[in-house]
Amino acid sequence: MTIHREGYRSILISAILFAVINLASFSFISAYFAWISWLIFIVTLGLLLFMISFFRVPRRKLMLGSNLIIAPADGKVVVIEEVYDEEYFKDKRLQVSIFMSPANVHQNRNPVTGEVVYNQYHKGKYLVAWHPKSSTENERHSVVIRHPKGEILVKQIAGALAKRIVNYLSVGQKVEQCGELGFIKFGSRVDLLLPLDAKISVKLNEVVKGGVTVLGSL
């Protein structure tokens, strides 16, 4: 396991706060209320470990396949339905949505190999990520990857806690399947808009792993 580069600063700040708070606690409080100092220690240690866990990038054997659609994120499949896309395609698409809890790995990966033909950030609300309108009303970043068998729109969506979406792609860039697409901080959702004839291999409420689980095929 490694730590994602987006997390170094946050973890460093957390570690400094952990050290300062506990040094002050055991210096000035423990002599009178030792249990309070130990409680502070346990709580702050838990928060530090959570930060390390949140920014973790586990080592995985990635799944690759020219016609396969690989999960771009860890989480639970919360939507599989036909929708009308207003943003890019202007027609009907098959939507697959993955909800990412704060406990999930938050690195996002490219579901297919291809060329980036669209990249757009949208300001928006911070509805809970499983809300039906979060896909179109929340802060989000959309990317379209052109594969020889069709275009796929990947939408990074901020949730109630997520306040920063990071996207590393640019229009014209050639991307590899399972390569890094971006990162979302603190609970979020990733939508995929697929061609209607895509074959889906997952079910609602199924837990998937980014870069590993096959969502379907083109």
Protein backbone atom coordinates (compact mmCIF):
# COMPACT_ATOMS: atom_id res chain seq x y z
CA MET A 1 0.00 0.00 0.00
CA THR A 2 1.16 3.52 -0.79
CA ILE A 3 -0.17 7.01 0.01
CA HIS A 4 -1.68 9.03 -2.81
CA ARG A 5 0.13 12.28 -3.60
CA GLU A 6 -3.05 14.25 -2.87
CA GLY A 7 -2.82 13.12 0.74
CA TYR A 8 0.71 14.06 1.77
CA ARG A 9 -0.16 17.59 2.90
CA SER A 10 -3.36 16.54 4.70
CA ILE A 11 -1.61 13.69 6.52
CA LEU A 12 1.34 15.93 7.49
CA ILE A 13 -1.02 18.55 8.94
CA SER A 14 -2.95 15.82 10.78
CA ALA A 15 0.28 14.36 12.20
CA ILE A 16 1.45 17.79 13.42
CA LEU A 17 -1.91 18.50 15.06
CA PHE A 18 -1.87 15.03 16.64
CA ALA A 19 1.56 15.68 18.13
CA VAL A 20 0.80 19.23 19.34
CA ILE A 21 -2.60 18.39 20.86
CA ASN A 22 -1.34 15.34 22.71
CA LEU A 23 1.84 17.05 23.91
CA ALA A 24 -0.26 19.84 25.39
CA SER A 25 -2.80 17.37 26.79
CA PHE A 26 -0.27 15.18 28.59
CA SER A 27 1.69 18.21 29.77
CA PHE A 28 -1.17 20.23 31.26
CA ILE A 29 -4.18 17.92 31.74
CA SER A 30 -2.98 14.42 32.54
CA ALA A 31 -1.76 15.29 36.04
CA TYR A 32 -5.34 16.15 37.03
CA PHE A 33 -7.51 14.21 34.60
CA ALA A 34 -5.47 11.40 33.08
CA TRP A 35 -8.53 9.78 31.51
CA ILE A 36 -9.25 12.93 29.51
CA SER A 37 -5.72 12.91 28.08
CA TRP A 38 -6.06 9.26 27.07
CA LEU A 39 -9.45 9.95 25.52
CA ILE A 40 -7.97 12.82 23.50
CA PHE A 41 -5.12 10.54 22.44
CA ILE A 42 -7.47 7.79 21.24
CA VAL A 43 -9.72 10.21 19.33
CA THR A 44 -6.87 12.08 17.63
CA LEU A 45 -5.07 8.81 16.81
CA GLY A 46 -8.28 7.53 15.23
CA LEU A 47 -8.55 10.67 13.10
CA LEU A 48 -4.92 10.38 12.00
CA LEU A 49 -5.38 6.73 11.04
CA PHE A 50 -8.54 7.64 9.14
CA MET A 51 -6.63 10.23 7.11
CA ILE A 52 -3.95 7.68 6.26
CA SER A 53 -6.61 5.12 5.32
CA PHE A 54 -8.54 7.61 3.17
CA PHE A 55 -5.52 8.47 1.00
CA ARG A 56 -4.28 4.90 0.68
CA VAL A 57 -3.62 3.34 -2.72
CA PRO A 58 -3.54 -0.46 -2.30
CA ARG A 59 -1.44 -2.59 -4.59
CA ARG A 60 -3.69 -4.50 -6.99
CA LYS A 61 -3.49 -6.74 -9.99
CA LEU A 62 -5.38 -4.60 -12.50
CA MET A 63 -7.87 -6.08 -14.95
CA LEU A 64 -7.29 -5.19 -18.61
CA GLY A 65 -9.29 -5.99 -21.74
CA SER A 66 -9.71 -4.10 -25.02
CA ASN A 67 -13.52 -4.31 -25.00
CA LEU A 68 -14.02 -4.42 -21.23
CA ILE A 69 -15.33 -1.55 -19.10
CA ILE A 70 -13.44 -1.58 -15.81
CA ALA A 71 -14.77 0.03 -12.63
CA PRO A 72 -13.28 3.54 -12.31
CA ALA A 73 -13.71 3.60 -8.52
CA ASP A 74 -14.22 1.54 -5.40
CA GLY A 75 -17.70 1.50 -3.93
CA LYS A 76 -21.24 0.22 -4.38
CA VAL A 77 -23.27 0.22 -7.59
CA VAL A 78 -26.30 2.40 -6.82
CA VAL A 79 -27.72 3.09 -10.29
CA ILE A 80 -28.11 1.01 -13.47
CA GLU A 81 -30.63 2.69 -15.74
CA GLU A 82 -31.28 4.31 -19.10
CA VAL A 83 -31.05 8.13 -18.97
CA TYR A 84 -31.11 11.08 -21.34
CA ASP A 85 -27.79 12.95 -21.29
CA GLU A 86 -28.18 16.73 -21.55
CA GLU A 87 -24.50 17.55 -21.24
CA TYR A 88 -22.62 15.90 -24.09
CA PHE A 89 -24.36 13.15 -26.03
CA LYS A 90 -27.80 14.76 -26.24
CA ASP A 91 -29.39 11.32 -26.47
CA LYS A 92 -30.12 8.26 -24.36
CA ARG A 93 -27.31 6.45 -22.57
CA LEU A 94 -26.93 3.62 -20.07
CA GLN A 95 -25.89 5.02 -16.70
CA VAL A 96 -23.93 3.04 -14.10
CA SER A 97 -23.21 4.89 -10.85
CA ILE A 98 -20.80 3.93 -8.07
CA PHE A 99 -21.19 5.45 -4.60
CA MET A 100 -17.91 5.92 -2.73
CA SER A 101 -18.12 6.11 1.07
CA PRO A 102 -15.37 7.85 3.10
CA ALA A 103 -13.98 4.38 3.87
CA ASN A 104 -13.40 3.53 0.19
CA VAL A 105 -10.24 4.10 -1.83
CA HIS A 106 -10.82 7.43 -3.60
CA GLN A 107 -8.43 7.15 -6.52
CA ASN A 108 -10.32 7.16 -9.85
CA ARG A 109 -9.17 5.17 -12.89
CA ASN A 110 -9.86 5.18 -16.64
CA PRO A 111 -12.48 2.51 -17.47
CA VAL A 112 -11.18 2.05 -21.03
CA THR A 113 -8.24 2.92 -23.26
CA GLY A 114 -8.82 5.78 -25.68
CA GLU A 115 -8.57 9.50 -26.36
CA VAL A 116 -10.00 12.26 -24.18
CA VAL A 117 -12.37 14.30 -26.38
CA TYR A 118 -14.22 16.28 -23.69
CA ASN A 119 -13.23 17.62 -20.28
CA GLN A 120 -15.45 19.99 -18.33
CA TYR A 121 -15.76 21.12 -14.70
CA HIS A 122 -19.19 22.20 -13.41
CA LYS A 123 -19.88 24.14 -10.23
CA GLY A 124 -22.87 22.91 -8.27
CA LYS A 125 -24.50 21.83 -5.03
CA TYR A 126 -23.31 19.33 -2.42
CA LEU A 127 -26.29 16.99 -2.16
CA VAL A 128 -25.61 13.57 -0.65
CA ALA A 129 -23.96 11.48 -3.35
CA TRP A 130 -26.77 8.90 -3.56
CA HIS A 131 -29.40 11.60 -4.22
CA PRO A 132 -30.92 11.14 -7.73
CA LYS A 133 -30.24 14.79 -8.64
CA SER A 134 -26.59 14.74 -7.55
CA SER A 135 -25.62 13.53 -11.04
CA THR A 136 -26.82 16.78 -12.65
CA GLU A 137 -26.91 19.35 -9.82
CA ASN A 138 -23.80 18.66 -7.70
CA GLU A 139 -20.31 19.96 -8.32
CA ARG A 140 -18.84 17.58 -10.88
CA HIS A 141 -16.16 17.01 -13.48
CA SER A 142 -17.02 15.22 -16.72
CA VAL A 143 -14.61 13.49 -19.07
CA VAL A 144 -15.42 11.68 -22.32
CA ILE A 145 -13.04 8.97 -23.52
CA ARG A 146 -13.37 7.88 -27.15
CA HIS A 147 -12.90 4.13 -27.54
CA PRO A 148 -12.94 2.45 -30.98
CA LYS A 149 -16.32 0.91 -30.08
CA GLY A 150 -17.92 4.00 -28.59
CA GLU A 151 -17.55 7.01 -26.32
CA ILE A 152 -17.82 6.77 -22.52
CA LEU A 153 -18.54 9.72 -20.25
CA VAL A 154 -17.03 9.47 -16.76
CA LYS A 155 -18.47 11.92 -14.26
CA GLN A 156 -16.75 12.60 -10.92
CA ILE A 157 -19.40 13.95 -8.54
CA ALA A 158 -18.84 15.71 -5.22
CA GLY A 159 -20.97 14.56 -2.28
CA ALA A 160 -22.11 16.26 0.93
CA LEU A 161 -18.59 16.03 2.38
CA ALA A 162 -16.47 16.10 -0.78
CA LYS A 163 -15.27 19.63 -1.46
CA ARG A 164 -12.53 18.98 -3.96
CA ILE A 165 -12.51 17.06 -7.21
CA VAL A 166 -9.14 16.47 -8.84
CA ASN A 167 -8.96 15.50 -12.52
CA TYR A 168 -5.66 14.81 -14.27
CA LEU A 169 -6.85 14.48 -17.89
CA SER A 170 -6.96 16.96 -20.77
CA VAL A 171 -8.58 17.02 -24.21
CA GLY A 172 -6.48 15.25 -26.82
CA GLN A 173 -4.69 13.09 -24.26
CA LYS A 174 -4.29 9.38 -24.97
CA VAL A 175 -5.15 7.38 -21.86
CA GLU A 176 -4.61 3.79 -20.87
CA GLN A 177 -7.21 1.56 -19.24
CA CYS A 178 -6.87 1.62 -15.42
CA GLY A 179 -4.50 4.59 -15.58
CA GLU A 180 -5.20 7.35 -13.07
CA LEU A 181 -8.08 9.65 -13.98
CA GLY A 182 -8.34 11.69 -10.80
CA PHE A 183 -9.20 11.79 -7.10
CA ILE A 184 -12.20 12.95 -5.04
CA LYS A 185 -11.83 13.92 -1.40
CA PHE A 186 -14.22 12.63 1.27
CA GLY A 187 -17.21 10.69 0.05
CA SER A 188 -18.50 10.99 -3.48
CA ARG A 189 -19.82 9.24 -6.57
CA VAL A 190 -18.69 8.33 -10.08
CA ASP A 191 -21.16 7.97 -12.97
CA LEU A 192 -20.48 6.29 -16.28
CA LEU A 193 -22.65 6.98 -19.32
CA LEU A 194 -22.30 4.06 -21.72
CA PRO A 195 -23.67 3.21 -25.18
CA LEU A 196 -27.10 1.59 -24.96
CA ASP A 197 -25.77 -1.64 -26.42
CA ALA A 198 -23.11 -2.05 -23.73
CA LYS A 199 -23.35 -5.37 -21.87
CA ILE A 200 -23.52 -4.85 -18.09
CA SER A 201 -21.89 -7.46 -15.84
CA VAL A 202 -22.73 -6.04 -12.39
CA LYS A 203 -25.92 -5.72 -10.36
CA LEU A 204 -27.41 -3.05 -8.12
CA ASN A 205 -25.79 -2.88 -4.65
CA GLU A 206 -22.80 -4.92 -5.83
CA VAL A 207 -19.51 -3.83 -4.28
CA VAL A 208 -16.84 -3.11 -6.90
CA LYS A 209 -13.12 -2.35 -6.91
CA GLY A 210 -11.55 0.31 -9.10
CA GLY A 211 -9.24 -1.12 -11.71
CA VAL A 212 -10.35 -4.68 -10.92
CA THR A 213 -14.10 -5.23 -11.32
CA VAL A 214 -15.48 -5.62 -14.84
CA LEU A 215 -18.62 -3.48 -15.12
CA GLY A 216 -19.43 -4.68 -18.60
CA SER A 217 -18.22 -4.71 -22.20
CA LEU A 218 -18.57 -2.72 -25.40
